[in-house]
Full PDB file with SEQRES, HELIX, SHEET, SSBOND, CRYST1, ORIGX, SCALE, CONECT and MASTER records, all heavy atoms in Angstrom:
SEQRES   1 A   35  SER ALA MET PRO VAL SER LYS TYR ARG PRO PHE VAL GLU          
SEQRES   2 A   35  VAL ASN PRO VAL ASP LEU PRO ASP ARG GLN TRP PRO THR          
SEQRES   3 A   35  ARG ARG THR THR ARG ALA PRO ARG TRP                          
HELIX    1 AA1 VAL A    5  LYS A    7  5                                   3    
HELIX    2 AA2 PHE A   11  VAL A   14  1                                   4    
HELIX    3 AA3 TRP A   24  THR A   26  5                                   3    
CRYST1    1.000    1.000    1.000  90.00  90.00  90.00 P 1           1          
ORIGX1      1.000000  0.000000  0.000000        0.00000                         
ORIGX2      0.000000  1.000000  0.000000        0.00000                         
ORIGX3      0.000000  0.000000  1.000000        0.00000                         
SCALE1      1.000000  0.000000  0.000000        0.00000                         
SCALE2      0.000000  1.000000  0.000000        0.00000                         
SCALE3      0.000000  0.000000  1.000000        0.00000                         
ATOM      1  N   SER A   1     106.925  91.958 107.313  1.00  0.00           N  
ATOM      2  CA  SER A   1     107.162  91.780 105.882  1.00  0.00           C  
ATOM      3  C   SER A   1     108.604  91.321 105.663  1.00  0.00           C  
ATOM      4  O   SER A   1     109.421  91.296 106.590  1.00  0.00           O  
ATOM      5  CB  SER A   1     106.932  93.095 105.134  1.00  0.00           C  
ATOM      6  OG  SER A   1     108.011  93.991 105.372  1.00  0.00           O  
ATOM      7  N   ALA A   2     108.889  90.984 104.420  1.00  0.00           N  
ATOM      8  CA  ALA A   2     110.254  90.585 104.063  1.00  0.00           C  
ATOM      9  C   ALA A   2     111.073  91.759 103.540  1.00  0.00           C  
ATOM     10  O   ALA A   2     112.188  91.578 103.040  1.00  0.00           O  
ATOM     11  CB  ALA A   2     110.199  89.486 103.000  1.00  0.00           C  
ATOM     12  N   MET A   3     110.550  92.970 103.684  1.00  0.00           N  
ATOM     13  CA  MET A   3     111.247  94.140 103.143  1.00  0.00           C  
ATOM     14  C   MET A   3     112.451  94.510 104.021  1.00  0.00           C  
ATOM     15  O   MET A   3     112.431  94.287 105.241  1.00  0.00           O  
ATOM     16  CB  MET A   3     110.287  95.323 103.028  1.00  0.00           C  
ATOM     17  CG  MET A   3     109.121  95.053 102.084  1.00  0.00           C  
ATOM     18  SD  MET A   3     108.061  96.491 101.874  1.00  0.00           S  
ATOM     19  CE  MET A   3     109.162  97.571 100.934  1.00  0.00           C  
ATOM     20  N   PRO A   4     113.519  95.091 103.430  1.00  0.00           N  
ATOM     21  CA  PRO A   4     114.771  95.376 104.165  1.00  0.00           C  
ATOM     22  C   PRO A   4     114.669  96.638 105.026  1.00  0.00           C  
ATOM     23  O   PRO A   4     115.335  97.648 104.782  1.00  0.00           O  
ATOM     24  CB  PRO A   4     115.791  95.546 103.042  1.00  0.00           C  
ATOM     25  CG  PRO A   4     114.995  96.070 101.892  1.00  0.00           C  
ATOM     26  CD  PRO A   4     113.650  95.406 101.991  1.00  0.00           C  
ATOM     27  N   VAL A   5     113.840  96.580 106.045  1.00  0.00           N  
ATOM     28  CA  VAL A   5     113.565  97.750 106.881  1.00  0.00           C  
ATOM     29  C   VAL A   5     114.824  98.264 107.576  1.00  0.00           C  
ATOM     30  O   VAL A   5     114.991  99.466 107.803  1.00  0.00           O  
ATOM     31  CB  VAL A   5     112.476  97.405 107.919  1.00  0.00           C  
ATOM     32  CG1 VAL A   5     112.188  98.594 108.826  1.00  0.00           C  
ATOM     33  CG2 VAL A   5     111.202  96.957 107.213  1.00  0.00           C  
ATOM     34  N   SER A   6     115.740  97.373 107.897  1.00  0.00           N  
ATOM     35  CA  SER A   6     116.929  97.767 108.668  1.00  0.00           C  
ATOM     36  C   SER A   6     117.854  98.710 107.902  1.00  0.00           C  
ATOM     37  O   SER A   6     118.754  99.316 108.497  1.00  0.00           O  
ATOM     38  CB  SER A   6     117.709  96.522 109.093  1.00  0.00           C  
ATOM     39  OG  SER A   6     118.135  95.787 107.954  1.00  0.00           O  
ATOM     40  N   LYS A   7     117.649  98.870 106.587  1.00  0.00           N  
ATOM     41  CA  LYS A   7     118.461  99.800 105.799  1.00  0.00           C  
ATOM     42  C   LYS A   7     118.160 101.257 106.124  1.00  0.00           C  
ATOM     43  O   LYS A   7     118.944 102.144 105.801  1.00  0.00           O  
ATOM     44  CB  LYS A   7     118.194  99.590 104.298  1.00  0.00           C  
ATOM     45  CG  LYS A   7     118.827  98.359 103.700  1.00  0.00           C  
ATOM     46  CD  LYS A   7     118.371  98.140 102.265  1.00  0.00           C  
ATOM     47  CE  LYS A   7     118.685  99.303 101.364  1.00  0.00           C  
ATOM     48  NZ  LYS A   7     118.300  99.013  99.965  1.00  0.00           N  
ATOM     49  N   TYR A   8     117.018 101.519 106.758  1.00  0.00           N  
ATOM     50  CA  TYR A   8     116.536 102.886 106.903  1.00  0.00           C  
ATOM     51  C   TYR A   8     116.500 103.310 108.367  1.00  0.00           C  
ATOM     52  O   TYR A   8     116.315 102.483 109.261  1.00  0.00           O  
ATOM     53  CB  TYR A   8     115.143 103.014 106.277  1.00  0.00           C  
ATOM     54  CG  TYR A   8     115.149 102.629 104.811  1.00  0.00           C  
ATOM     55  CD1 TYR A   8     114.844 101.320 104.415  1.00  0.00           C  
ATOM     56  CD2 TYR A   8     115.497 103.550 103.838  1.00  0.00           C  
ATOM     57  CE1 TYR A   8     114.877 100.958 103.079  1.00  0.00           C  
ATOM     58  CE2 TYR A   8     115.540 103.187 102.500  1.00  0.00           C  
ATOM     59  CZ  TYR A   8     115.231 101.883 102.126  1.00  0.00           C  
ATOM     60  OH  TYR A   8     115.270 101.523 100.805  1.00  0.00           O  
ATOM     61  N   ARG A   9     116.670 104.619 108.576  1.00  0.00           N  
ATOM     62  CA  ARG A   9     116.616 105.181 109.922  1.00  0.00           C  
ATOM     63  C   ARG A   9     115.546 106.263 109.993  1.00  0.00           C  
ATOM     64  O   ARG A   9     115.327 106.975 109.011  1.00  0.00           O  
ATOM     65  CB  ARG A   9     117.966 105.806 110.292  1.00  0.00           C  
ATOM     66  CG  ARG A   9     119.085 104.820 110.533  1.00  0.00           C  
ATOM     67  CD  ARG A   9     120.351 105.562 110.949  1.00  0.00           C  
ATOM     68  NE  ARG A   9     120.848 106.414 109.853  1.00  0.00           N  
ATOM     69  CZ  ARG A   9     121.756 107.379 110.019  1.00  0.00           C  
ATOM     70  NH1 ARG A   9     122.226 107.649 111.223  1.00  0.00           N  
ATOM     71  NH2 ARG A   9     122.174 108.084 108.992  1.00  0.00           N  
ATOM     72  N   PRO A  10     114.897 106.392 111.143  1.00  0.00           N  
ATOM     73  CA  PRO A  10     113.940 107.496 111.291  1.00  0.00           C  
ATOM     74  C   PRO A  10     114.639 108.835 111.081  1.00  0.00           C  
ATOM     75  O   PRO A  10     115.761 109.051 111.553  1.00  0.00           O  
ATOM     76  CB  PRO A  10     113.441 107.353 112.732  1.00  0.00           C  
ATOM     77  CG  PRO A  10     113.702 105.922 113.085  1.00  0.00           C  
ATOM     78  CD  PRO A  10     114.953 105.543 112.350  1.00  0.00           C  
ATOM     79  N   PHE A  11     113.966 109.746 110.386  1.00  0.00           N  
ATOM     80  CA  PHE A  11     114.580 111.034 110.073  1.00  0.00           C  
ATOM     81  C   PHE A  11     114.994 111.787 111.327  1.00  0.00           C  
ATOM     82  O   PHE A  11     116.053 112.437 111.353  1.00  0.00           O  
ATOM     83  CB  PHE A  11     113.602 111.885 109.255  1.00  0.00           C  
ATOM     84  CG  PHE A  11     114.144 113.240 108.899  1.00  0.00           C  
ATOM     85  CD1 PHE A  11     114.993 113.396 107.820  1.00  0.00           C  
ATOM     86  CD2 PHE A  11     113.817 114.356 109.646  1.00  0.00           C  
ATOM     87  CE1 PHE A  11     115.511 114.638 107.484  1.00  0.00           C  
ATOM     88  CE2 PHE A  11     114.324 115.605 109.335  1.00  0.00           C  
ATOM     89  CZ  PHE A  11     115.171 115.750 108.239  1.00  0.00           C  
ATOM     90  N   VAL A  12     114.170 111.726 112.362  1.00  0.00           N  
ATOM     91  CA  VAL A  12     114.478 112.506 113.568  1.00  0.00           C  
ATOM     92  C   VAL A  12     115.732 111.994 114.278  1.00  0.00           C  
ATOM     93  O   VAL A  12     116.270 112.674 115.148  1.00  0.00           O  
ATOM     94  CB  VAL A  12     113.286 112.510 114.545  1.00  0.00           C  
ATOM     95  CG1 VAL A  12     112.131 113.314 113.976  1.00  0.00           C  
ATOM     96  CG2 VAL A  12     112.837 111.090 114.872  1.00  0.00           C  
ATOM     97  N   GLU A  13     116.195 110.800 113.930  1.00  0.00           N  
ATOM     98  CA  GLU A  13     117.477 110.333 114.457  1.00  0.00           C  
ATOM     99  C   GLU A  13     118.642 110.812 113.604  1.00  0.00           C  
ATOM    100  O   GLU A  13     119.778 110.869 114.063  1.00  0.00           O  
ATOM    101  CB  GLU A  13     117.490 108.802 114.534  1.00  0.00           C  
ATOM    102  CG  GLU A  13     116.502 108.231 115.542  1.00  0.00           C  
ATOM    103  CD  GLU A  13     116.543 106.704 115.575  1.00  0.00           C  
ATOM    104  OE1 GLU A  13     117.447 106.121 114.928  1.00  0.00           O  
ATOM    105  OE2 GLU A  13     115.654 106.112 116.220  1.00  0.00           O  
ATOM    106  N   VAL A  14     118.353 111.151 112.347  1.00  0.00           N  
ATOM    107  CA  VAL A  14     119.391 111.619 111.430  1.00  0.00           C  
ATOM    108  C   VAL A  14     119.635 113.114 111.612  1.00  0.00           C  
ATOM    109  O   VAL A  14     120.769 113.571 111.678  1.00  0.00           O  
ATOM    110  CB  VAL A  14     118.993 111.318 109.972  1.00  0.00           C  
ATOM    111  CG1 VAL A  14     120.047 111.830 108.997  1.00  0.00           C  
ATOM    112  CG2 VAL A  14     118.766 109.832 109.772  1.00  0.00           C  
ATOM    113  N   ASN A  15     118.558 113.890 111.682  1.00  0.00           N  
ATOM    114  CA  ASN A  15     118.677 115.346 111.788  1.00  0.00           C  
ATOM    115  C   ASN A  15     117.598 115.872 112.731  1.00  0.00           C  
ATOM    116  O   ASN A  15     116.579 116.410 112.304  1.00  0.00           O  
ATOM    117  CB  ASN A  15     118.533 115.983 110.403  1.00  0.00           C  
ATOM    118  CG  ASN A  15     118.945 117.449 110.395  1.00  0.00           C  
ATOM    119  OD1 ASN A  15     119.734 117.888 111.229  1.00  0.00           O  
ATOM    120  ND2 ASN A  15     118.414 118.207 109.442  1.00  0.00           N  
ATOM    121  N   PRO A  16     117.800 115.694 114.023  1.00  0.00           N  
ATOM    122  CA  PRO A  16     116.754 116.043 114.993  1.00  0.00           C  
ATOM    123  C   PRO A  16     116.551 117.551 115.117  1.00  0.00           C  
ATOM    124  O   PRO A  16     117.454 118.339 114.856  1.00  0.00           O  
ATOM    125  CB  PRO A  16     117.280 115.447 116.296  1.00  0.00           C  
ATOM    126  CG  PRO A  16     118.770 115.415 116.121  1.00  0.00           C  
ATOM    127  CD  PRO A  16     119.007 115.147 114.673  1.00  0.00           C  
ATOM    128  N   VAL A  17     115.330 117.938 115.524  1.00  0.00           N  
ATOM    129  CA  VAL A  17     115.031 119.327 115.844  1.00  0.00           C  
ATOM    130  C   VAL A  17     114.385 119.344 117.220  1.00  0.00           C  
ATOM    131  O   VAL A  17     113.457 118.585 117.496  1.00  0.00           O  
ATOM    132  CB  VAL A  17     114.118 119.973 114.776  1.00  0.00           C  
ATOM    133  CG1 VAL A  17     112.879 119.128 114.521  1.00  0.00           C  
ATOM    134  CG2 VAL A  17     113.720 121.381 115.198  1.00  0.00           C  
ATOM    135  N   ASP A  18     114.891 120.196 118.083  1.00  0.00           N  
ATOM    136  CA  ASP A  18     114.406 120.279 119.464  1.00  0.00           C  
ATOM    137  C   ASP A  18     113.599 121.558 119.623  1.00  0.00           C  
ATOM    138  O   ASP A  18     114.148 122.652 119.668  1.00  0.00           O  
ATOM    139  CB  ASP A  18     115.599 120.269 120.428  1.00  0.00           C  
ATOM    140  CG  ASP A  18     115.140 120.264 121.889  1.00  0.00           C  
ATOM    141  OD1 ASP A  18     114.006 119.823 122.148  1.00  0.00           O  
ATOM    142  OD2 ASP A  18     115.923 120.710 122.764  1.00  0.00           O  
ATOM    143  N   LEU A  19     112.280 121.426 119.699  1.00  0.00           N  
ATOM    144  CA  LEU A  19     111.416 122.593 119.813  1.00  0.00           C  
ATOM    145  C   LEU A  19     110.218 122.249 120.693  1.00  0.00           C  
ATOM    146  O   LEU A  19     109.077 122.179 120.241  1.00  0.00           O  
ATOM    147  CB  LEU A  19     110.952 123.034 118.413  1.00  0.00           C  
ATOM    148  CG  LEU A  19     110.381 124.446 118.285  1.00  0.00           C  
ATOM    149  CD1 LEU A  19     111.450 125.501 118.488  1.00  0.00           C  
ATOM    150  CD2 LEU A  19     109.710 124.614 116.927  1.00  0.00           C  
ATOM    151  N   PRO A  20     110.452 122.011 121.978  1.00  0.00           N  
ATOM    152  CA  PRO A  20     109.353 121.578 122.862  1.00  0.00           C  
ATOM    153  C   PRO A  20     108.263 122.628 123.053  1.00  0.00           C  
ATOM    154  O   PRO A  20     107.124 122.287 123.360  1.00  0.00           O  
ATOM    155  CB  PRO A  20     110.064 121.266 124.178  1.00  0.00           C  
ATOM    156  CG  PRO A  20     111.324 122.071 124.135  1.00  0.00           C  
ATOM    157  CD  PRO A  20     111.742 122.111 122.699  1.00  0.00           C  
ATOM    158  N   ASP A  21     108.596 123.911 122.844  1.00  0.00           N  
ATOM    159  CA  ASP A  21     107.593 124.967 123.033  1.00  0.00           C  
ATOM    160  C   ASP A  21     107.076 125.484 121.694  1.00  0.00           C  
ATOM    161  O   ASP A  21     106.723 126.648 121.542  1.00  0.00           O  
ATOM    162  CB  ASP A  21     108.185 126.123 123.837  1.00  0.00           C  
ATOM    163  CG  ASP A  21     109.395 126.751 123.153  1.00  0.00           C  
ATOM    164  OD1 ASP A  21     110.021 126.075 122.305  1.00  0.00           O  
ATOM    165  OD2 ASP A  21     109.707 127.917 123.463  1.00  0.00           O  
ATOM    166  N   ARG A  22     107.011 124.599 120.703  1.00  0.00           N  
ATOM    167  CA  ARG A  22     106.529 124.979 119.365  1.00  0.00           C  
ATOM    168  C   ARG A  22     105.185 125.693 119.459  1.00  0.00           C  
ATOM    169  O   ARG A  22     104.305 125.311 120.246  1.00  0.00           O  
ATOM    170  CB  ARG A  22     106.425 123.741 118.462  1.00  0.00           C  
ATOM    171  CG  ARG A  22     105.499 122.660 118.990  1.00  0.00           C  
ATOM    172  CD  ARG A  22     105.485 121.407 118.122  1.00  0.00           C  
ATOM    173  NE  ARG A  22     106.771 120.759 118.013  1.00  0.00           N  
ATOM    174  CZ  ARG A  22     107.267 119.893 118.911  1.00  0.00           C  
ATOM    175  NH1 ARG A  22     106.563 119.599 119.999  1.00  0.00           N  
ATOM    176  NH2 ARG A  22     108.435 119.334 118.723  1.00  0.00           N  
ATOM    177  N   GLN A  23     105.014 126.714 118.627  1.00  0.00           N  
ATOM    178  CA  GLN A  23     103.797 127.528 118.643  1.00  0.00           C  
ATOM    179  C   GLN A  23     102.874 127.266 117.456  1.00  0.00           C  
ATOM    180  O   GLN A  23     101.688 127.591 117.499  1.00  0.00           O  
ATOM    181  CB  GLN A  23     104.179 129.027 118.642  1.00  0.00           C  
ATOM    182  CG  GLN A  23     105.032 129.445 119.838  1.00  0.00           C  
ATOM    183  CD  GLN A  23     104.307 129.226 121.144  1.00  0.00           C  
ATOM    184  OE1 GLN A  23     103.183 129.713 121.317  1.00  0.00           O  
ATOM    185  NE2 GLN A  23     104.929 128.508 122.062  1.00  0.00           N  
ATOM    186  N   TRP A  24     103.406 126.684 116.374  1.00  0.00           N  
ATOM    187  CA  TRP A  24     102.604 126.564 115.155  1.00  0.00           C  
ATOM    188  C   TRP A  24     101.322 125.731 115.306  1.00  0.00           C  
ATOM    189  O   TRP A  24     100.330 126.020 114.605  1.00  0.00           O  
ATOM    190  CB  TRP A  24     103.458 126.034 113.991  1.00  0.00           C  
ATOM    191  CG  TRP A  24     104.041 124.653 114.163  1.00  0.00           C  
ATOM    192  CD1 TRP A  24     105.297 124.326 114.547  1.00  0.00           C  
ATOM    193  CD2 TRP A  24     103.369 123.408 113.926  1.00  0.00           C  
ATOM    194  NE1 TRP A  24     105.478 122.969 114.580  1.00  0.00           N  
ATOM    195  CE2 TRP A  24     104.303 122.380 114.204  1.00  0.00           C  
ATOM    196  CE3 TRP A  24     102.089 123.055 113.526  1.00  0.00           C  
ATOM    197  CZ2 TRP A  24     103.980 121.030 114.082  1.00  0.00           C  
ATOM    198  CZ3 TRP A  24     101.760 121.710 113.396  1.00  0.00           C  
ATOM    199  CH2 TRP A  24     102.703 120.716 113.675  1.00  0.00           C  
ATOM    200  N   PRO A  25     101.253 124.707 116.195  1.00  0.00           N  
ATOM    201  CA  PRO A  25     100.006 123.923 116.244  1.00  0.00           C  
ATOM    202  C   PRO A  25      98.771 124.723 116.658  1.00  0.00           C  
ATOM    203  O   PRO A  25      97.638 124.335 116.340  1.00  0.00           O  
ATOM    204  CB  PRO A  25     100.316 122.823 117.268  1.00  0.00           C  
ATOM    205  CG  PRO A  25     101.809 122.679 117.237  1.00  0.00           C  
ATOM    206  CD  PRO A  25     102.295 124.082 117.051  1.00  0.00           C  
ATOM    207  N   THR A  26      98.957 125.833 117.379  1.00  0.00           N  
ATOM    208  CA  THR A  26      97.798 126.608 117.842  1.00  0.00           C  
ATOM    209  C   THR A  26      97.530 127.825 116.971  1.00  0.00           C  
ATOM    210  O   THR A  26      96.607 128.585 117.246  1.00  0.00           O  
ATOM    211  CB  THR A  26      98.021 127.073 119.294  1.00  0.00           C  
ATOM    212  OG1 THR A  26      99.211 127.871 119.367  1.00  0.00           O  
ATOM    213  CG2 THR A  26      98.163 125.880 120.221  1.00  0.00           C  
ATOM    214  N   ARG A  27      98.329 128.019 115.915  1.00  0.00           N  
ATOM    215  CA  ARG A  27      98.118 129.169 115.042  1.00  0.00           C  
ATOM    216  C   ARG A  27      97.076 128.837 113.965  1.00  0.00           C  
ATOM    217  O   ARG A  27      96.768 127.685 113.721  1.00  0.00           O  
ATOM    218  CB  ARG A  27      99.432 129.595 114.388  1.00  0.00           C  
ATOM    219  CG  ARG A  27     100.434 130.178 115.382  1.00  0.00           C  
ATOM    220  CD  ARG A  27     101.743 130.509 114.709  1.00  0.00           C  
ATOM    221  NE  ARG A  27     102.729 130.988 115.673  1.00  0.00           N  
ATOM    222  CZ  ARG A  27     104.041 130.939 115.492  1.00  0.00           C  
ATOM    223  NH1 ARG A  27     104.525 130.427 114.362  1.00  0.00           N  
ATOM    224  NH2 ARG A  27     104.861 131.397 116.404  1.00  0.00           N  
ATOM    225  N   ARG A  28      96.620 129.874 113.306  1.00  0.00           N  
ATOM    226  CA  ARG A  28      95.580 129.736 112.288  1.00  0.00           C  
ATOM    227  C   ARG A  28      95.944 130.581 111.079  1.00  0.00           C  
ATOM    228  O   ARG A  28      96.374 131.728 111.221  1.00  0.00           O  
ATOM    229  CB  ARG A  28      94.241 130.199 112.869  1.00  0.00           C  
ATOM    230  CG  ARG A  28      93.090 130.200 111.891  1.00  0.00           C  
ATOM    231  CD  ARG A  28      91.834 130.712 112.578  1.00  0.00           C  
ATOM    232  NE  ARG A  28      90.761 130.966 111.628  1.00  0.00           N  
ATOM    233  CZ  ARG A  28      89.630 131.568 111.922  1.00  0.00           C  
ATOM    234  NH1 ARG A  28      89.424 131.981 113.176  1.00  0.00           N  
ATOM    235  NH2 ARG A  28      88.706 131.769 111.006  1.00  0.00           N  
ATOM    236  N   THR A  29      95.789 130.017 109.892  1.00  0.00           N  
ATOM    237  CA  THR A  29      96.052 130.764 108.669  1.00  0.00           C  
ATOM    238  C   THR A  29      94.880 131.697 108.379  1.00  0.00           C  
ATOM    239  O   THR A  29      93.719 131.271 108.365  1.00  0.00           O  
ATOM    240  CB  THR A  29      96.243 129.809 107.480  1.00  0.00           C  
ATOM    241  OG1 THR A  29      97.379 128.976 107.733  1.00  0.00           O  
ATOM    242  CG2 THR A  29      96.478 130.572 106.184  1.00  0.00           C  
ATOM    243  N   THR A  30      95.175 132.972 108.150  1.00  0.00           N  
ATOM    244  CA  THR A  30      94.129 133.960 107.915  1.00  0.00           C  
ATOM    245  C   THR A  30      94.299 134.703 106.598  1.00  0.00           C  
ATOM    246  O   THR A  30      93.415 135.456 106.193  1.00  0.00           O  
ATOM    247  CB  THR A  30      94.092 134.998 109.049  1.00  0.00           C  
ATOM    248  OG1 THR A  30      95.382 135.620 109.156  1.00  0.00           O  
ATOM    249  CG2 THR A  30      93.738 134.323 110.375  1.00  0.00           C  
ATOM    250  N   ARG A  31      95.434 134.523 105.926  1.00  0.00           N  
ATOM    251  CA  ARG A  31      95.652 135.207 104.651  1.00  0.00           C  
ATOM    252  C   ARG A  31      96.577 134.377 103.776  1.00  0.00           C  
ATOM    253  O   ARG A  31      97.287 133.489 104.265  1.00  0.00           O  
ATOM    254  CB  ARG A  31      96.253 136.601 104.874  1.00  0.00           C  
ATOM    255  CG  ARG A  31      97.595 136.604 105.575  1.00  0.00           C  
ATOM    256  CD  ARG A  31      98.072 138.024 105.853  1.00  0.00           C  
ATOM    257  NE  ARG A  31      99.316 138.039 106.613  1.00  0.00           N  
ATOM    258  CZ  ARG A  31     100.530 137.972 106.071  1.00  0.00           C  
ATOM    259  NH1 ARG A  31     100.650 137.886 104.750  1.00  0.00           N  
ATOM    260  NH2 ARG A  31     101.610 138.002 106.825  1.00  0.00           N  
ATOM    261  N   ALA A  32      96.551 134.677 102.496  1.00  0.00           N  
ATOM    262  CA  ALA A  32      97.390 133.942 101.546  1.00  0.00           C  
ATOM    263  C   ALA A  32      98.848 134.353 101.699  1.00  0.00           C  
ATOM    264  O   ALA A  32      99.145 135.501 102.029  1.00  0.00           O  
ATOM    265  CB  ALA A  32      96.932 134.216 100.124  1.00  0.00           C  
ATOM    266  N   PRO A  33      99.769 133.429 101.452  1.00  0.00           N  
ATOM    267  CA  PRO A  33     101.194 133.789 101.438  1.00  0.00           C  
ATOM    268  C   PRO A  33     101.545 134.459 100.116  1.00  0.00           C  
ATOM    269  O   PRO A  33     100.709 134.571  99.205  1.00  0.00           O  
ATOM    270  CB  PRO A  33     101.877 132.431 101.548  1.00  0.00           C  
ATOM    271  CG  PRO A  33     100.954 131.505 100.816  1.00  0.00           C  
ATOM    272  CD  PRO A  33      99.560 132.007 101.129  1.00  0.00           C  
ATOM    273  N   ARG A  34     102.776 134.892  99.992  1.00  0.00           N  
ATOM    274  CA  ARG A  34     103.319 135.214  98.684  1.00  0.00           C  
ATOM    275  C   ARG A  34     103.540 133.899  97.931  1.00  0.00           C  
ATOM    276  O   ARG A  34     103.937 132.902  98.513  1.00  0.00           O  
ATOM    277  CB  ARG A  34     104.650 135.961  98.821  1.00  0.00           C  
ATOM    278  CG  ARG A  34     104.493 137.389  99.245  1.00  0.00           C  
ATOM    279  CD  ARG A  34     105.795 138.029  99.662  1.00  0.00           C  
ATOM    280  NE  ARG A  34     106.889 137.900  98.710  1.00  0.00           N  
ATOM    281  CZ  ARG A  34     108.094 138.446  98.886  1.00  0.00           C  
ATOM    282  NH1 ARG A  34     108.338 139.165  99.981  1.00  0.00           N  
ATOM    283  NH2 ARG A  34     109.044 138.271  97.989  1.00  0.00           N  
ATOM    284  N   TRP A  35     103.228 133.922  96.643  1.00  0.00           N  
ATOM    285  CA  TRP A  35     103.401 132.731  95.828  1.00  0.00           C  
ATOM    286  C   TRP A  35     104.520 132.951  94.818  1.00  0.00           C  
ATOM    287  O   TRP A  35     104.644 134.035  94.250  1.00  0.00           O  
ATOM    288  CB  TRP A  35     102.136 132.419  95.026  1.00  0.00           C  
ATOM    289  CG  TRP A  35     100.853 132.283  95.781  1.00  0.00           C  
ATOM    290  CD1 TRP A  35      99.814 133.160  95.786  1.00  0.00           C  
ATOM    291  CD2 TRP A  35     100.451 131.186  96.616  1.00  0.00           C  
ATOM    292  NE1 TRP A  35      98.785 132.685  96.570  1.00  0.00           N  
ATOM    293  CE2 TRP A  35      99.154 131.478  97.093  1.00  0.00           C  
ATOM    294  CE3 TRP A  35     101.064 129.996  97.005  1.00  0.00           C  
ATOM    295  CZ2 TRP A  35      98.448 130.613  97.934  1.00  0.00           C  
ATOM    296  CZ3 TRP A  35     100.368 129.144  97.843  1.00  0.00           C  
ATOM    297  CH2 TRP A  35      99.077 129.446  98.298  1.00  0.00           C  
TER     298      TRP A  35                                                      
MASTER        0    0    0    3    0    0    0    6  297    1    0    3          
END                                                                             
């Protein structure tokens, strides 16, 4: 496209988080949170 893509950077390059052993993908929601 002709859009100015070069103005923007991927977020993970701006403020990266290193969590290779993340646990949340295998968890399951079983109750409501506080709202």
